[in-house]
Amino acid sequence: MSHHDTVGAIREAVAAAAPEIRAGLPGRREKSDAENPTGDRRLAADEYADDLFEERLGGLDGVGAYASEERQSVVDTGTGLSVAVDPLDGSSNLKPNNVMGTIVGVYDAPLPARGRELIAAGYILYGPITTMAFAHQGSVTEYLIEDGVPTPLREDVTLPDEPTVYGFGGRVPDWPADFAAYVEEIESELKLRYGGAMIGDVNQVLTYGGVFGYPALESSPAGKLRLQFEGNPVGYVIESAGGRSSDGTRSLLDVDPDELHDRTPVHLGNASLIDRLEAALD
């Protein structure tokens, strides 16, 4: 099976799993006893989604490795591409019934890998409707998912030239002074949109243009988001849509990982806004 065919099979399998993930949410809002490898308390929904994706993606011909934010190490599933998944991004939003997502990165390399090794990436958004943004070969397509079947809504999606929205994570008193100064400028130019699931905030930026960031914090200089499962895949989608991603100094896709669960500051959006950010953080 060619890499192109494998990527198509991954996209179809993720779409097919989406209604099952949704259907499994109502009964899985309680915390489990487990923590994920970076210390977050897991919900039963996280475990359900992780098991489902491991079975569906790991079982595909052409997928040789499955890794997820919910498990310590990479699962060997044969030979082929490596898939890195955040099975349920924003699962803390389950309790207040707010937006959540699933993030998938497809790497042509053993994990952990640099974002430059991605050959496709995408995310599902469990909003009022279920949609998927998927980047492959330099372009982004947005799909509507109904009954597990993806139908293209928009092809060659690009960020609007005139940015509209911003959203930044972390507690404001925990922001470094240089980042806080940047935010002060942005606040007077754009509208605040922040929902507590990165994928919802990133999708706002993809739709309306703007900037999203989960920055380096005083208490956590590497920020909160994981490079393999969150930073790289969404960076790949936004860059494929004509935007920029940055860890503060360079594209997220150029960051060398040390370990599977490495964290990184994440900033992405319109190139002009990310250029200004990097200048502010110098």
Protein backbone atom coordinates (compact mmCIF):
# COMPACT_ATOMS: atom_id res chain seq x y z
CA MET A 1 0.00 0.00 0.00
CA SER A 2 1.43 3.41 -0.93
CA HIS A 3 1.79 6.15 1.68
CA HIS A 4 -0.90 8.08 -0.20
CA ASP A 5 -3.34 5.19 0.13
CA THR A 6 -2.44 4.70 3.79
CA VAL A 7 -3.09 8.37 4.52
CA GLY A 8 -6.50 8.04 2.84
CA ALA A 9 -7.28 4.96 4.93
CA ILE A 10 -6.26 6.80 8.12
CA ARG A 11 -8.49 9.75 7.23
CA GLU A 12 -11.45 7.45 6.54
CA ALA A 13 -10.88 5.46 9.75
CA VAL A 14 -10.72 8.59 11.90
CA ALA A 15 -13.94 9.90 10.33
CA ALA A 16 -15.65 6.55 10.82
CA ALA A 17 -14.70 6.51 14.51
CA ALA A 18 -16.04 10.04 15.16
CA PRO A 19 -19.72 9.13 15.70
CA GLU A 20 -18.67 6.28 18.00
CA ILE A 21 -16.54 8.67 20.06
CA ARG A 22 -19.51 11.07 20.26
CA ALA A 23 -21.93 8.32 21.20
CA GLY A 24 -19.60 7.16 23.96
CA LEU A 25 -19.30 10.55 25.65
CA PRO A 26 -22.51 10.84 27.72
CA GLY A 27 -21.77 7.85 29.94
CA ARG A 28 -18.07 8.61 30.37
CA ARG A 29 -17.91 11.99 32.09
CA GLU A 30 -16.48 10.63 35.34
CA LYS A 31 -12.77 10.61 36.19
CA SER A 32 -10.97 7.32 36.08
CA ASP A 33 -8.33 6.40 38.63
CA ALA A 34 -5.54 6.73 36.09
CA GLU A 35 -3.37 9.63 35.02
CA ASN A 36 -1.90 10.02 31.57
CA PRO A 37 1.90 10.08 31.15
CA THR A 38 2.10 13.83 31.79
CA GLY A 39 0.04 13.76 34.95
CA ASP A 40 -3.44 14.80 33.80
CA ARG A 41 -6.30 12.93 35.43
CA ARG A 42 -7.97 10.87 32.75
CA LEU A 43 -11.66 10.61 32.07
CA ALA A 44 -13.23 7.31 31.11
CA ALA A 45 -13.92 9.01 27.75
CA ASP A 46 -10.17 9.49 27.15
CA GLU A 47 -9.53 5.78 27.65
CA TYR A 48 -12.46 4.76 25.46
CA ALA A 49 -11.31 7.02 22.60
CA ASP A 50 -7.69 5.89 22.93
CA ASP A 51 -8.59 2.18 22.82
CA LEU A 52 -10.85 2.73 19.82
CA PHE A 53 -8.20 4.61 17.81
CA GLU A 54 -5.47 2.13 18.69
CA GLU A 55 -7.65 -0.68 17.36
CA ARG A 56 -8.79 1.15 14.22
CA LEU A 57 -5.57 2.93 13.23
CA GLY A 58 -3.12 0.35 14.50
CA GLY A 59 -5.03 -2.29 12.58
CA LEU A 60 -4.57 -0.61 9.21
CA ASP A 61 -2.11 -1.96 6.65
CA GLY A 62 0.67 0.56 6.27
CA VAL A 63 0.53 1.81 9.89
CA GLY A 64 3.55 0.55 11.82
CA ALA A 65 3.25 2.46 15.09
CA TYR A 66 0.50 3.97 17.24
CA ALA A 67 1.22 6.53 19.94
CA SER A 68 -1.17 8.59 22.00
CA GLU A 69 -1.15 11.22 24.66
CA GLU A 70 -2.82 8.64 26.91
CA ARG A 71 -0.09 6.00 26.91
CA GLN A 72 3.52 6.00 27.99
CA SER A 73 5.17 4.38 24.99
CA VAL A 74 4.71 3.69 21.30
CA VAL A 75 2.69 0.60 20.32
CA ASP A 76 4.29 -1.45 17.53
CA THR A 77 1.58 -2.33 14.99
CA GLY A 78 3.67 -3.68 12.12
CA THR A 79 5.56 -1.78 9.43
CA GLY A 80 4.76 1.58 7.90
CA LEU A 81 3.82 5.08 8.97
CA SER A 82 3.64 6.26 12.59
CA VAL A 83 0.38 7.71 13.89
CA ALA A 84 0.31 10.05 16.90
CA VAL A 85 -3.11 10.79 18.38
CA ASP A 86 -4.65 13.02 21.02
CA PRO A 87 -7.81 10.90 21.27
CA LEU A 88 -9.94 13.48 23.08
CA ASP A 89 -8.51 16.99 23.12
CA GLY A 90 -10.19 19.19 25.72
CA SER A 91 -11.81 16.34 27.64
CA SER A 92 -12.15 18.67 30.65
CA ASN A 93 -14.84 20.30 28.49
CA LEU A 94 -16.99 17.19 28.80
CA LYS A 95 -18.35 18.24 32.20
CA PRO A 96 -19.65 21.67 31.04
CA ASN A 97 -20.61 20.20 27.62
CA ASN A 98 -18.22 22.39 25.66
CA VAL A 99 -16.40 21.69 22.40
CA MET A 100 -13.82 18.88 22.10
CA GLY A 101 -11.74 17.31 19.38
CA THR A 102 -9.45 14.53 18.22
CA ILE A 103 -6.00 15.29 16.76
CA VAL A 104 -4.04 12.98 14.44
CA GLY A 105 -0.51 13.31 13.06
CA VAL A 106 0.86 10.92 10.44
CA TYR A 107 4.67 10.73 10.50
CA ASP A 108 6.93 9.00 8.00
CA ALA A 109 9.46 8.26 10.75
CA PRO A 110 9.75 6.47 14.10
CA LEU A 111 8.35 8.45 17.04
CA PRO A 112 9.21 10.84 18.54
CA ALA A 113 9.87 12.75 15.31
CA ARG A 114 10.17 16.32 14.12
CA GLY A 115 7.12 17.90 12.55
CA ARG A 116 8.97 18.00 9.22
CA GLU A 117 8.46 14.22 9.15
CA LEU A 118 4.68 14.65 9.02
CA ILE A 119 3.09 13.72 5.72
CA ALA A 120 -0.48 14.43 6.88
CA ALA A 121 -2.31 15.73 9.94
CA GLY A 122 -5.80 16.68 10.90
CA TYR A 123 -8.37 17.05 13.60
CA ILE A 124 -12.00 16.32 14.26
CA LEU A 125 -14.14 18.92 15.96
CA TYR A 126 -17.09 17.65 18.01
CA GLY A 127 -19.12 20.84 17.80
CA PRO A 128 -22.83 21.31 17.07
CA ILE A 129 -21.91 19.40 13.92
CA THR A 130 -18.93 17.08 13.46
CA THR A 131 -16.26 18.40 11.10
CA MET A 132 -12.72 17.40 10.19
CA ALA A 133 -9.86 19.57 8.93
CA PHE A 134 -7.25 17.43 7.20
CA ALA A 135 -3.95 18.55 5.67
CA HIS A 136 -2.05 16.47 3.12
CA GLN A 137 0.37 17.42 0.34
CA GLY A 138 0.29 21.10 1.24
CA SER A 139 -3.44 21.73 1.22
CA VAL A 140 -6.22 21.62 3.81
CA THR A 141 -9.71 20.25 3.24
CA GLU A 142 -12.59 20.70 5.66
CA TYR A 143 -15.09 17.84 5.78
CA LEU A 144 -18.54 17.41 7.23
CA ILE A 145 -18.81 14.02 8.94
CA GLU A 146 -22.23 12.39 8.88
CA ASP A 147 -22.69 8.75 9.90
CA GLY A 148 -18.91 8.40 9.87
CA VAL A 149 -18.58 9.48 6.23
CA PRO A 150 -16.52 12.60 5.37
CA THR A 151 -17.93 14.91 2.69
CA PRO A 152 -15.78 17.88 1.57
CA LEU A 153 -17.20 21.24 2.67
CA ARG A 154 -14.26 23.46 1.67
CA GLU A 155 -11.12 22.60 -0.25
CA ASP A 156 -7.79 24.46 -0.28
CA VAL A 157 -8.72 26.15 3.00
CA THR A 158 -6.53 29.17 3.81
CA LEU A 159 -6.51 31.59 6.72
CA PRO A 160 -8.37 34.82 5.90
CA ASP A 161 -5.98 37.71 5.19
CA GLU A 162 -7.72 39.96 7.72
CA PRO A 163 -7.40 38.29 11.15
CA THR A 164 -10.33 38.49 13.56
CA VAL A 165 -9.84 36.37 16.68
CA TYR A 166 -7.29 35.53 19.37
CA GLY A 167 -7.12 33.06 22.24
CA PHE A 168 -4.31 32.46 24.73
CA GLY A 169 -4.00 29.74 27.35
CA GLY A 170 -2.46 29.63 30.80
CA ARG A 171 -3.18 31.90 33.75
CA VAL A 172 -2.45 35.55 33.05
CA PRO A 173 -0.27 36.05 36.19
CA ASP A 174 1.79 33.08 34.96
CA TRP A 175 2.60 34.68 31.59
CA PRO A 176 6.17 35.96 31.06
CA ALA A 177 6.35 39.75 30.76
CA ASP A 178 7.32 39.75 27.05
CA PHE A 179 4.35 37.57 26.12
CA ALA A 180 1.99 39.68 28.26
CA ALA A 181 3.16 42.79 26.41
CA TYR A 182 2.39 41.13 23.07
CA VAL A 183 -1.09 40.17 24.28
CA GLU A 184 -1.79 43.75 25.31
CA GLU A 185 -1.29 44.86 21.72
CA ILE A 186 -3.35 42.01 20.26
CA GLU A 187 -6.26 42.65 22.63
CA SER A 188 -6.86 46.06 21.11
CA GLU A 189 -6.94 44.63 17.56
CA LEU A 190 -8.81 41.30 17.70
CA LYS A 191 -11.76 39.62 19.44
CA LEU A 192 -11.19 37.15 22.27
CA ARG A 193 -12.26 33.58 21.55
CA TYR A 194 -11.01 30.97 24.00
CA GLY A 195 -12.79 27.75 24.85
CA GLY A 196 -10.43 25.49 26.78
CA ALA A 197 -10.05 22.86 24.07
CA MET A 198 -7.11 23.80 21.90
CA ILE A 199 -8.71 22.31 18.83
CA GLY A 200 -11.77 24.55 19.08
CA ASP A 201 -9.56 27.62 19.39
CA VAL A 202 -7.33 26.54 16.49
CA ASN A 203 -10.41 25.98 14.33
CA GLN A 204 -11.58 29.53 15.08
CA VAL A 205 -8.22 30.79 13.81
CA LEU A 206 -8.45 28.59 10.69
CA THR A 207 -11.97 29.92 10.05
CA TYR A 208 -11.62 33.62 10.91
CA GLY A 209 -7.88 34.27 10.91
CA GLY A 210 -6.02 35.44 14.00
CA VAL A 211 -3.69 33.94 16.58
CA PHE A 212 -3.81 31.16 19.16
CA GLY A 213 -1.18 30.57 21.79
CA TYR A 214 -0.43 28.36 24.75
CA PRO A 215 2.80 30.10 25.72
CA ALA A 216 5.78 29.34 27.88
CA LEU A 217 4.69 29.98 31.48
CA GLU A 218 6.69 31.14 34.49
CA SER A 219 5.71 27.89 36.22
CA SER A 220 6.17 25.76 33.08
CA PRO A 221 8.75 27.17 30.64
CA ALA A 222 7.85 24.50 28.08
CA GLY A 223 4.15 25.36 28.27
CA LYS A 224 1.51 22.67 28.49
CA LEU A 225 0.87 21.23 25.04
CA ARG A 226 2.64 18.15 23.67
CA LEU A 227 4.79 18.48 20.57
CA GLN A 228 4.04 15.07 19.01
CA PHE A 229 0.30 14.96 19.62
CA GLU A 230 -0.78 18.62 19.55
CA GLY A 231 1.88 21.14 18.52
CA ASN A 232 3.18 19.41 15.39
CA PRO A 233 -0.15 18.27 13.90
CA VAL A 234 -1.95 21.60 14.35
CA GLY A 235 1.18 23.46 13.26
CA TYR A 236 1.18 21.36 10.10
CA VAL A 237 -2.50 22.12 9.42
CA ILE A 238 -2.09 25.88 9.97
CA GLU A 239 1.10 26.07 7.88
CA SER A 240 -0.60 24.07 5.11
CA ALA A 241 -3.36 26.72 5.22
CA GLY A 242 -0.87 29.53 4.65
CA GLY A 243 -0.31 30.48 8.29
CA ARG A 244 2.66 30.10 10.61
CA SER A 245 3.42 28.09 13.74
CA SER A 246 6.10 28.88 16.29
CA ASP A 247 7.55 27.73 19.60
CA GLY A 248 8.57 31.37 20.14
CA THR A 249 11.63 31.36 17.92
CA ARG A 250 11.02 28.98 14.98
CA SER A 251 8.40 26.82 13.31
CA LEU A 252 7.07 24.06 15.55
CA LEU A 253 7.88 21.67 12.72
CA ASP A 254 11.61 22.39 13.20
CA VAL A 255 11.67 21.51 16.92
CA ASP A 256 13.74 18.40 17.72
CA PRO A 257 11.96 16.18 20.24
CA ASP A 258 13.83 14.43 23.02
CA GLU A 259 10.99 12.28 24.29
CA LEU A 260 7.55 11.13 23.18
CA HIS A 261 5.70 13.35 25.65
CA ASP A 262 7.80 16.52 25.29
CA ARG A 263 5.90 19.75 25.83
CA THR A 264 6.37 22.92 23.82
CA PRO A 265 5.05 26.48 23.77
CA VAL A 266 2.56 26.65 20.88
CA HIS A 267 1.69 29.77 18.90
CA LEU A 268 -0.02 29.73 15.52
CA GLY A 269 -2.04 31.88 13.18
CA ASN A 270 -1.60 34.50 10.48
CA ALA A 271 2.06 34.91 9.53
CA SER A 272 2.11 38.63 10.35
CA LEU A 273 0.88 38.00 13.89
CA ILE A 274 3.39 35.18 14.49
CA ASP A 275 6.21 37.32 13.07
CA ARG A 276 5.28 40.04 15.57
CA LEU A 277 5.12 37.49 18.36
CA GLU A 278 8.63 36.21 17.67
CA ALA A 279 9.93 39.76 17.57
CA ALA A 280 8.23 40.50 20.92
CA LEU A 281 9.74 37.39 22.52
CA ASP A 282 13.33 38.11 21.42
